[in-house]
Amino acid sequence: MEFLKELWNFLRIRKKLWLAPIIIVMLIFGGLLIVSQGSVMAPFIYTLF
């Protein structure tokens, strides 16, 4: 949790809040790839990239 607090403070202080949505989307896609690694949906997800 400390890392997330530091990241949020960095984004807020340096006026880089526009990076927050990009980071969130990258985390969602990364989680999706990890979850779908061994599933039946993997071929369909990999076609998106």
PDB file of N, CA and C in Angstrom:
ATOM      1  N   MET A   1       0.814  -1.201   0.000  1.00  0.00           N
ATOM      2  CA  MET A   1       0.000   0.000   0.000  1.00  0.00           C
ATOM      3  C   MET A   1       0.858   1.267   0.000  1.00  0.00           C
ATOM      4  N   GLU A   2       2.029   1.180   0.575  1.00  0.00           N
ATOM      5  CA  GLU A   2       2.908   2.348   0.632  1.00  0.00           C
ATOM      6  C   GLU A   2       3.298   2.804  -0.783  1.00  0.00           C
ATOM      7  N   PHE A   3       3.528   1.836  -1.666  1.00  0.00           N
ATOM      8  CA  PHE A   3       3.889   2.169  -3.054  1.00  0.00           C
ATOM      9  C   PHE A   3       2.760   2.946  -3.735  1.00  0.00           C
ATOM     10  N   LEU A   4       1.533   2.511  -3.522  1.00  0.00           N
ATOM     11  CA  LEU A   4       0.402   3.195  -4.144  1.00  0.00           C
ATOM     12  C   LEU A   4       0.241   4.612  -3.607  1.00  0.00           C
ATOM     13  N   LYS A   5       0.477   4.801  -2.303  1.00  0.00           N
ATOM     14  CA  LYS A   5       0.408   6.145  -1.736  1.00  0.00           C
ATOM     15  C   LYS A   5       1.485   7.046  -2.329  1.00  0.00           C
ATOM     16  N   GLU A   6       2.686   6.513  -2.444  1.00  0.00           N
ATOM     17  CA  GLU A   6       3.772   7.306  -3.016  1.00  0.00           C
ATOM     18  C   GLU A   6       3.508   7.637  -4.486  1.00  0.00           C
ATOM     19  N   LEU A   7       2.984   6.671  -5.229  1.00  0.00           N
ATOM     20  CA  LEU A   7       2.660   6.914  -6.632  1.00  0.00           C
ATOM     21  C   LEU A   7       1.591   7.995  -6.758  1.00  0.00           C
ATOM     22  N   TRP A   8       0.555   7.913  -5.933  1.00  0.00           N
ATOM     23  CA  TRP A   8      -0.516   8.908  -5.987  1.00  0.00           C
ATOM     24  C   TRP A   8       0.015  10.295  -5.631  1.00  0.00           C
ATOM     25  N   ASN A   9       0.857  10.375  -4.588  1.00  0.00           N
ATOM     26  CA  ASN A   9       1.438  11.663  -4.210  1.00  0.00           C
ATOM     27  C   ASN A   9       2.322  12.222  -5.324  1.00  0.00           C
ATOM     28  N   PHE A  10       3.085  11.359  -5.966  1.00  0.00           N
ATOM     29  CA  PHE A  10       3.926  11.800  -7.085  1.00  0.00           C
ATOM     30  C   PHE A  10       3.065  12.375  -8.205  1.00  0.00           C
ATOM     31  N   LEU A  11       2.000  11.653  -8.576  1.00  0.00           N
ATOM     32  CA  LEU A  11       1.139  12.116  -9.665  1.00  0.00           C
ATOM     33  C   LEU A  11       0.448  13.426  -9.303  1.00  0.00           C
ATOM     34  N   ARG A  12       0.039  13.561  -8.044  1.00  0.00           N
ATOM     35  CA  ARG A  12      -0.664  14.763  -7.622  1.00  0.00           C
ATOM     36  C   ARG A  12       0.263  15.968  -7.529  1.00  0.00           C
ATOM     37  N   ILE A  13       1.424  15.784  -6.952  1.00  0.00           N
ATOM     38  CA  ILE A  13       2.348  16.903  -6.754  1.00  0.00           C
ATOM     39  C   ILE A  13       2.913  17.392  -8.082  1.00  0.00           C
ATOM     40  N   ARG A  14       3.254  16.471  -8.957  1.00  0.00           N
ATOM     41  CA  ARG A  14       3.870  16.846 -10.235  1.00  0.00           C
ATOM     42  C   ARG A  14       2.851  17.165 -11.316  1.00  0.00           C
ATOM     43  N   LYS A  15       1.578  17.210 -10.949  1.00  0.00           N
ATOM     44  CA  LYS A  15       0.492  17.530 -11.893  1.00  0.00           C
ATOM     45  C   LYS A  15       0.445  16.544 -13.066  1.00  0.00           C
ATOM     46  N   LYS A  16       0.640  15.275 -12.760  1.00  0.00           N
ATOM     47  CA  LYS A  16       0.618  14.240 -13.792  1.00  0.00           C
ATOM     48  C   LYS A  16      -0.597  13.331 -13.624  1.00  0.00           C
ATOM     49  N   LEU A  17      -1.719  13.893 -13.206  1.00  0.00           N
ATOM     50  CA  LEU A  17      -2.913  13.076 -12.967  1.00  0.00           C
ATOM     51  C   LEU A  17      -3.455  12.450 -14.252  1.00  0.00           C
ATOM     52  N   TRP A  18      -3.067  12.978 -15.396  1.00  0.00           N
ATOM     53  CA  TRP A  18      -3.525  12.395 -16.655  1.00  0.00           C
ATOM     54  C   TRP A  18      -2.917  11.009 -16.874  1.00  0.00           C
ATOM     55  N   LEU A  19      -1.863  10.669 -16.128  1.00  0.00           N
ATOM     56  CA  LEU A  19      -1.260   9.340 -16.245  1.00  0.00           C
ATOM     57  C   LEU A  19      -2.056   8.267 -15.504  1.00  0.00           C
ATOM     58  N   ALA A  20      -2.887   8.662 -14.557  1.00  0.00           N
ATOM     59  CA  ALA A  20      -3.632   7.695 -13.744  1.00  0.00           C
ATOM     60  C   ALA A  20      -4.514   6.773 -14.592  1.00  0.00           C
ATOM     61  N   PRO A  21      -5.320   7.273 -15.531  1.00  0.00           N
ATOM     62  CA  PRO A  21      -6.136   6.352 -16.340  1.00  0.00           C
ATOM     63  C   PRO A  21      -5.290   5.388 -17.176  1.00  0.00           C
ATOM     64  N   ILE A  22      -4.158   5.852 -17.657  1.00  0.00           N
ATOM     65  CA  ILE A  22      -3.280   4.983 -18.454  1.00  0.00           C
ATOM     66  C   ILE A  22      -2.741   3.848 -17.591  1.00  0.00           C
ATOM     67  N   ILE A  23      -2.317   4.172 -16.385  1.00  0.00           N
ATOM     68  CA  ILE A  23      -1.798   3.145 -15.475  1.00  0.00           C
ATOM     69  C   ILE A  23      -2.884   2.146 -15.120  1.00  0.00           C
ATOM     70  N   ILE A  24      -4.101   2.629 -14.862  1.00  0.00           N
ATOM     71  CA  ILE A  24      -5.210   1.730 -14.504  1.00  0.00           C
ATOM     72  C   ILE A  24      -5.541   0.784 -15.648  1.00  0.00           C
ATOM     73  N   VAL A  25      -5.590   1.297 -16.870  1.00  0.00           N
ATOM     74  CA  VAL A  25      -5.892   0.446 -18.029  1.00  0.00           C
ATOM     75  C   VAL A  25      -4.793  -0.596 -18.234  1.00  0.00           C
ATOM     76  N   MET A  26      -3.541  -0.189 -18.055  1.00  0.00           N
ATOM     77  CA  MET A  26      -2.440  -1.148 -18.200  1.00  0.00           C
ATOM     78  C   MET A  26      -2.527  -2.243 -17.143  1.00  0.00           C
ATOM     79  N   LEU A  27      -2.894  -1.894 -15.927  1.00  0.00           N
ATOM     80  CA  LEU A  27      -3.054  -2.896 -14.870  1.00  0.00           C
ATOM     81  C   LEU A  27      -4.206  -3.854 -15.171  1.00  0.00           C
ATOM     82  N   ILE A  28      -5.297  -3.329 -15.707  1.00  0.00           N
ATOM     83  CA  ILE A  28      -6.442  -4.181 -16.057  1.00  0.00           C
ATOM     84  C   ILE A  28      -6.056  -5.156 -17.161  1.00  0.00           C
ATOM     85  N   PHE A  29      -5.381  -4.668 -18.204  1.00  0.00           N
ATOM     86  CA  PHE A  29      -4.963  -5.559 -19.289  1.00  0.00           C
ATOM     87  C   PHE A  29      -3.964  -6.598 -18.803  1.00  0.00           C
ATOM     88  N   GLY A  30      -3.045  -6.201 -17.934  1.00  0.00           N
ATOM     89  CA  GLY A  30      -2.085  -7.147 -17.383  1.00  0.00           C
ATOM     90  C   GLY A  30      -2.759  -8.216 -16.558  1.00  0.00           C
ATOM     91  N   GLY A  31      -3.716  -7.819 -15.732  1.00  0.00           N
ATOM     92  CA  GLY A  31      -4.470  -8.798 -14.943  1.00  0.00           C
ATOM     93  C   GLY A  31      -5.279  -9.726 -15.825  1.00  0.00           C
ATOM     94  N   LEU A  32      -5.853  -9.188 -16.880  1.00  0.00           N
ATOM     95  CA  LEU A  32      -6.624 -10.011 -17.817  1.00  0.00           C
ATOM     96  C   LEU A  32      -5.740 -11.055 -18.484  1.00  0.00           C
ATOM     97  N   LEU A  33      -4.540 -10.663 -18.871  1.00  0.00           N
ATOM     98  CA  LEU A  33      -3.625 -11.614 -19.494  1.00  0.00           C
ATOM     99  C   LEU A  33      -3.182 -12.704 -18.512  1.00  0.00           C
ATOM    100  N   ILE A  34      -2.951 -12.335 -17.274  1.00  0.00           N
ATOM    101  CA  ILE A  34      -2.532 -13.317 -16.271  1.00  0.00           C
ATOM    102  C   ILE A  34      -3.659 -14.298 -15.967  1.00  0.00           C
ATOM    103  N   VAL A  35      -4.874 -13.786 -15.833  1.00  0.00           N
ATOM    104  CA  VAL A  35      -6.016 -14.651 -15.520  1.00  0.00           C
ATOM    105  C   VAL A  35      -6.329 -15.585 -16.680  1.00  0.00           C
ATOM    106  N   SER A  36      -6.190 -15.105 -17.894  1.00  0.00           N
ATOM    107  CA  SER A  36      -6.584 -15.898 -19.057  1.00  0.00           C
ATOM    108  C   SER A  36      -5.466 -16.804 -19.569  1.00  0.00           C
ATOM    109  N   GLN A  37      -4.365 -16.860 -18.869  1.00  0.00           N
ATOM    110  CA  GLN A  37      -3.213 -17.625 -19.344  1.00  0.00           C
ATOM    111  C   GLN A  37      -3.576 -19.089 -19.640  1.00  0.00           C
ATOM    112  N   GLY A  38      -4.317 -19.728 -18.782  1.00  0.00           N
ATOM    113  CA  GLY A  38      -4.621 -21.142 -18.990  1.00  0.00           C
ATOM    114  C   GLY A  38      -6.072 -21.400 -19.305  1.00  0.00           C
ATOM    115  N   SER A  39      -6.809 -20.389 -19.686  1.00  0.00           N
ATOM    116  CA  SER A  39      -8.241 -20.592 -19.900  1.00  0.00           C
ATOM    117  C   SER A  39      -8.557 -20.807 -21.377  1.00  0.00           C
ATOM    118  N   VAL A  40      -9.799 -21.123 -21.637  1.00  0.00           N
ATOM    119  CA  VAL A  40     -10.281 -21.332 -22.998  1.00  0.00           C
ATOM    120  C   VAL A  40     -10.384 -20.003 -23.746  1.00  0.00           C
ATOM    121  N   MET A  41     -10.515 -18.915 -23.006  1.00  0.00           N
ATOM    122  CA  MET A  41     -10.669 -17.596 -23.624  1.00  0.00           C
ATOM    123  C   MET A  41      -9.355 -17.032 -24.159  1.00  0.00           C
ATOM    124  N   ALA A  42      -8.228 -17.652 -23.844  1.00  0.00           N
ATOM    125  CA  ALA A  42      -6.915 -17.118 -24.203  1.00  0.00           C
ATOM    126  C   ALA A  42      -6.774 -16.796 -25.699  1.00  0.00           C
ATOM    127  N   PRO A  43      -7.172 -17.678 -26.616  1.00  0.00           N
ATOM    128  CA  PRO A  43      -7.004 -17.332 -28.043  1.00  0.00           C
ATOM    129  C   PRO A  43      -7.798 -16.089 -28.460  1.00  0.00           C
ATOM    130  N   PHE A  44      -8.949 -15.874 -27.851  1.00  0.00           N
ATOM    131  CA  PHE A  44      -9.761 -14.714 -28.203  1.00  0.00           C
ATOM    132  C   PHE A  44      -9.169 -13.438 -27.638  1.00  0.00           C
ATOM    133  N   ILE A  45      -8.602 -13.519 -26.444  1.00  0.00           N
ATOM    134  CA  ILE A  45      -7.995 -12.339 -25.820  1.00  0.00           C
ATOM    135  C   ILE A  45      -6.714 -11.958 -26.551  1.00  0.00           C
ATOM    136  N   TYR A  46      -5.932 -12.936 -26.954  1.00  0.00           N
ATOM    137  CA  TYR A  46      -4.675 -12.625 -27.632  1.00  0.00           C
ATOM    138  C   TYR A  46      -4.902 -11.996 -29.006  1.00  0.00           C
ATOM    139  N   THR A  47      -6.057 -12.205 -29.600  1.00  0.00           N
ATOM    140  CA  THR A  47      -6.334 -11.557 -30.887  1.00  0.00           C
ATOM    141  C   THR A  47      -6.542 -10.064 -30.719  1.00  0.00           C
ATOM    142  N   LEU A  48      -6.852  -9.607 -29.499  1.00  0.00           N
ATOM    143  CA  LEU A  48      -7.018  -8.169 -29.270  1.00  0.00           C
ATOM    144  C   LEU A  48      -5.690  -7.438 -29.348  1.00  0.00           C
ATOM    145  N   PHE A  49      -4.594  -8.140 -29.089  1.00  0.00           N
ATOM    146  CA  PHE A  49      -3.291  -7.515 -29.069  1.00  0.00           C
ATOM    147  C   PHE A  49      -2.549  -7.869 -30.315  1.00  0.00           C
TER     148      PHE A  49
END
